[in-house]
């Protein structure tokens, strides 16, 4: 995994935790790739880190400059379609948390 190079704080993070319904060829991987490319063009988007284990539990951290940018992404039509499919088809459980990053540090 590549770590996102974040700006000086403060900035925001949307943390999306999920438990997938594992169904082969259900369209999830294709949609995930499409949304992952689409989000890169969104104003205020900084970067994203995502992991998923073999049991289908995943965590995605999506970094943003401000809350306005997160709200705009939430309203994106393609993203809304993916959200609907996620709720109806792909996720047993999910949770979204929005947080303001006040401080960060690391070796990267």
C-alpha atoms as a PDB file:
ATOM      1  CA  UNK A   1       0.000   0.000   0.000  1.00  0.00           C
ATOM      2  CA  UNK A   2       1.195   3.496  -0.795  1.00  0.00           C
ATOM      3  CA  UNK A   3       0.698   6.065   1.939  1.00  0.00           C
ATOM      4  CA  UNK A   4      -1.028   9.307   1.017  1.00  0.00           C
ATOM      5  CA  UNK A   5       1.171  12.370   1.240  1.00  0.00           C
ATOM      6  CA  UNK A   6      -1.070  14.684   3.230  1.00  0.00           C
ATOM      7  CA  UNK A   7      -0.706  18.447   3.586  1.00  0.00           C
ATOM      8  CA  UNK A   8      -0.028  20.274   6.804  1.00  0.00           C
ATOM      9  CA  UNK A   9      -3.000  19.807   9.113  1.00  0.00           C
ATOM     10  CA  UNK A  10      -5.793  20.486   9.547  1.00  0.00           C
ATOM     11  CA  UNK A  11      -7.501  18.481   6.827  1.00  0.00           C
ATOM     12  CA  UNK A  12     -10.291  15.902   6.876  1.00  0.00           C
ATOM     13  CA  UNK A  13     -10.614  12.155   6.508  1.00  0.00           C
ATOM     14  CA  UNK A  14     -13.622  10.025   5.625  1.00  0.00           C
ATOM     15  CA  UNK A  15     -13.094   6.542   7.070  1.00  0.00           C
ATOM     16  CA  UNK A  16     -15.261   3.882   5.458  1.00  0.00           C
ATOM     17  CA  UNK A  17     -15.275   0.463   7.158  1.00  0.00           C
ATOM     18  CA  UNK A  18     -17.114  -2.393   5.504  1.00  0.00           C
ATOM     19  CA  UNK A  19     -17.875  -6.082   5.660  1.00  0.00           C
ATOM     20  CA  UNK A  20     -18.356  -7.400   2.126  1.00  0.00           C
ATOM     21  CA  UNK A  21     -20.800  -9.970   0.891  1.00  0.00           C
ATOM     22  CA  UNK A  22     -18.337 -12.115  -1.009  1.00  0.00           C
ATOM     23  CA  UNK A  23     -19.958 -12.986  -4.332  1.00  0.00           C
ATOM     24  CA  UNK A  24     -17.754 -13.734  -7.353  1.00  0.00           C
ATOM     25  CA  UNK A  25     -18.293 -11.530 -10.395  1.00  0.00           C
ATOM     26  CA  UNK A  26     -20.778  -9.233  -8.656  1.00  0.00           C
ATOM     27  CA  UNK A  27     -19.391  -6.077 -10.267  1.00  0.00           C
ATOM     28  CA  UNK A  28     -17.801  -4.736  -7.083  1.00  0.00           C
ATOM     29  CA  UNK A  29     -14.197  -4.738  -8.285  1.00  0.00           C
ATOM     30  CA  UNK A  30     -15.081  -2.961 -11.522  1.00  0.00           C
ATOM     31  CA  UNK A  31     -17.115  -0.291  -9.724  1.00  0.00           C
ATOM     32  CA  UNK A  32     -14.447   0.131  -7.060  1.00  0.00           C
ATOM     33  CA  UNK A  33     -11.827   0.761  -9.739  1.00  0.00           C
ATOM     34  CA  UNK A  34     -14.110   3.231 -11.546  1.00  0.00           C
ATOM     35  CA  UNK A  35     -14.910   5.174  -8.367  1.00  0.00           C
ATOM     36  CA  UNK A  36     -11.244   5.115  -7.321  1.00  0.00           C
ATOM     37  CA  UNK A  37     -10.287   6.825 -10.583  1.00  0.00           C
ATOM     38  CA  UNK A  38     -13.222   9.234 -10.528  1.00  0.00           C
ATOM     39  CA  UNK A  39     -12.532  10.512  -7.006  1.00  0.00           C
ATOM     40  CA  UNK A  40      -9.013  11.572  -8.013  1.00  0.00           C
ATOM     41  CA  UNK A  41     -10.517  14.350 -10.141  1.00  0.00           C
ATOM     42  CA  UNK A  42     -12.697  15.759  -7.369  1.00  0.00           C
ATOM     43  CA  UNK A  43     -11.869  19.242  -6.063  1.00  0.00           C
ATOM     44  CA  UNK A  44     -10.426  19.005  -2.559  1.00  0.00           C
ATOM     45  CA  UNK A  45      -9.400  15.341  -2.866  1.00  0.00           C
ATOM     46  CA  UNK A  46      -5.975  14.656  -1.336  1.00  0.00           C
ATOM     47  CA  UNK A  47      -5.585  10.884  -1.520  1.00  0.00           C
ATOM     48  CA  UNK A  48      -6.843   7.502  -0.412  1.00  0.00           C
ATOM     49  CA  UNK A  49      -5.595   4.392   1.380  1.00  0.00           C
ATOM     50  CA  UNK A  50      -7.546   1.147   1.323  1.00  0.00           C
ATOM     51  CA  UNK A  51      -7.131  -2.427   2.588  1.00  0.00           C
ATOM     52  CA  UNK A  52      -9.358  -5.517   2.637  1.00  0.00           C
ATOM     53  CA  UNK A  53      -8.715  -8.901   4.227  1.00  0.00           C
ATOM     54  CA  UNK A  54      -9.645 -12.364   2.920  1.00  0.00           C
ATOM     55  CA  UNK A  55     -12.812 -12.415   5.043  1.00  0.00           C
ATOM     56  CA  UNK A  56     -14.039  -9.260   3.282  1.00  0.00           C
ATOM     57  CA  UNK A  57     -13.497  -6.708   6.047  1.00  0.00           C
ATOM     58  CA  UNK A  58     -12.150  -3.453   4.634  1.00  0.00           C
ATOM     59  CA  UNK A  59     -11.086   0.015   5.668  1.00  0.00           C
ATOM     60  CA  UNK A  60     -10.727   2.958   3.292  1.00  0.00           C
ATOM     61  CA  UNK A  61      -9.410   6.321   4.445  1.00  0.00           C
ATOM     62  CA  UNK A  62     -10.108   9.121   1.982  1.00  0.00           C
ATOM     63  CA  UNK A  63      -8.385  12.438   2.702  1.00  0.00           C
ATOM     64  CA  UNK A  64      -9.935  15.817   1.856  1.00  0.00           C
ATOM     65  CA  UNK A  65      -9.053  19.485   2.143  1.00  0.00           C
ATOM     66  CA  UNK A  66     -12.388  20.458   3.722  1.00  0.00           C
ATOM     67  CA  UNK A  67     -15.918  19.337   4.581  1.00  0.00           C
ATOM     68  CA  UNK A  68     -17.367  21.091   1.526  1.00  0.00           C
ATOM     69  CA  UNK A  69     -15.314  18.763  -0.721  1.00  0.00           C
ATOM     70  CA  UNK A  70     -16.554  15.675   1.118  1.00  0.00           C
ATOM     71  CA  UNK A  71     -20.159  16.827   0.710  1.00  0.00           C
ATOM     72  CA  UNK A  72     -19.646  17.489  -3.011  1.00  0.00           C
ATOM     73  CA  UNK A  73     -18.254  13.965  -3.457  1.00  0.00           C
ATOM     74  CA  UNK A  74     -21.227  12.521  -1.580  1.00  0.00           C
ATOM     75  CA  UNK A  75     -23.511  14.205  -4.152  1.00  0.00           C
ATOM     76  CA  UNK A  76     -21.610  12.877  -7.200  1.00  0.00           C
ATOM     77  CA  UNK A  77     -24.054  10.804  -9.313  1.00  0.00           C
ATOM     78  CA  UNK A  78     -21.633   7.927  -9.997  1.00  0.00           C
ATOM     79  CA  UNK A  79     -20.676   7.797  -6.338  1.00  0.00           C
ATOM     80  CA  UNK A  80     -24.364   7.741  -5.355  1.00  0.00           C
ATOM     81  CA  UNK A  81     -24.925   4.783  -7.697  1.00  0.00           C
ATOM     82  CA  UNK A  82     -22.013   2.943  -6.057  1.00  0.00           C
ATOM     83  CA  UNK A  83     -23.417   3.770  -2.602  1.00  0.00           C
ATOM     84  CA  UNK A  84     -26.806   2.340  -3.523  1.00  0.00           C
ATOM     85  CA  UNK A  85     -25.282  -0.856  -4.921  1.00  0.00           C
ATOM     86  CA  UNK A  86     -23.100  -1.150  -1.838  1.00  0.00           C
ATOM     87  CA  UNK A  87     -26.093  -1.005   0.486  1.00  0.00           C
ATOM     88  CA  UNK A  88     -28.232  -3.326  -1.664  1.00  0.00           C
ATOM     89  CA  UNK A  89     -25.647  -5.838  -2.890  1.00  0.00           C
ATOM     90  CA  UNK A  90     -22.070  -5.590  -1.688  1.00  0.00           C
ATOM     91  CA  UNK A  91     -21.948  -4.876   2.042  1.00  0.00           C
ATOM     92  CA  UNK A  92     -23.261  -6.892   4.973  1.00  0.00           C
ATOM     93  CA  UNK A  93     -22.320  -3.972   7.215  1.00  0.00           C
ATOM     94  CA  UNK A  94     -20.719  -0.574   6.733  1.00  0.00           C
ATOM     95  CA  UNK A  95     -19.898   2.534   8.716  1.00  0.00           C
ATOM     96  CA  UNK A  96     -18.678   5.974   7.668  1.00  0.00           C
ATOM     97  CA  UNK A  97     -16.824   8.342   9.973  1.00  0.00           C
ATOM     98  CA  UNK A  98     -15.761  11.881   9.113  1.00  0.00           C
ATOM     99  CA  UNK A  99     -12.953  13.392  11.178  1.00  0.00           C
ATOM    100  CA  UNK A 100     -10.802  16.492  11.250  1.00  0.00           C
ATOM    101  CA  UNK A 101      -7.098  15.689  11.384  1.00  0.00           C
ATOM    102  CA  UNK A 102      -5.473  18.072  13.830  1.00  0.00           C
ATOM    103  CA  UNK A 103      -2.028  16.492  13.851  1.00  0.00           C
ATOM    104  CA  UNK A 104      -0.127  13.797  11.997  1.00  0.00           C
ATOM    105  CA  UNK A 105       3.387  12.406  11.876  1.00  0.00           C
ATOM    106  CA  UNK A 106       5.235   9.371  10.594  1.00  0.00           C
ATOM    107  CA  UNK A 107       8.240   8.099   8.711  1.00  0.00           C
ATOM    108  CA  UNK A 108       6.958   8.634   5.194  1.00  0.00           C
END
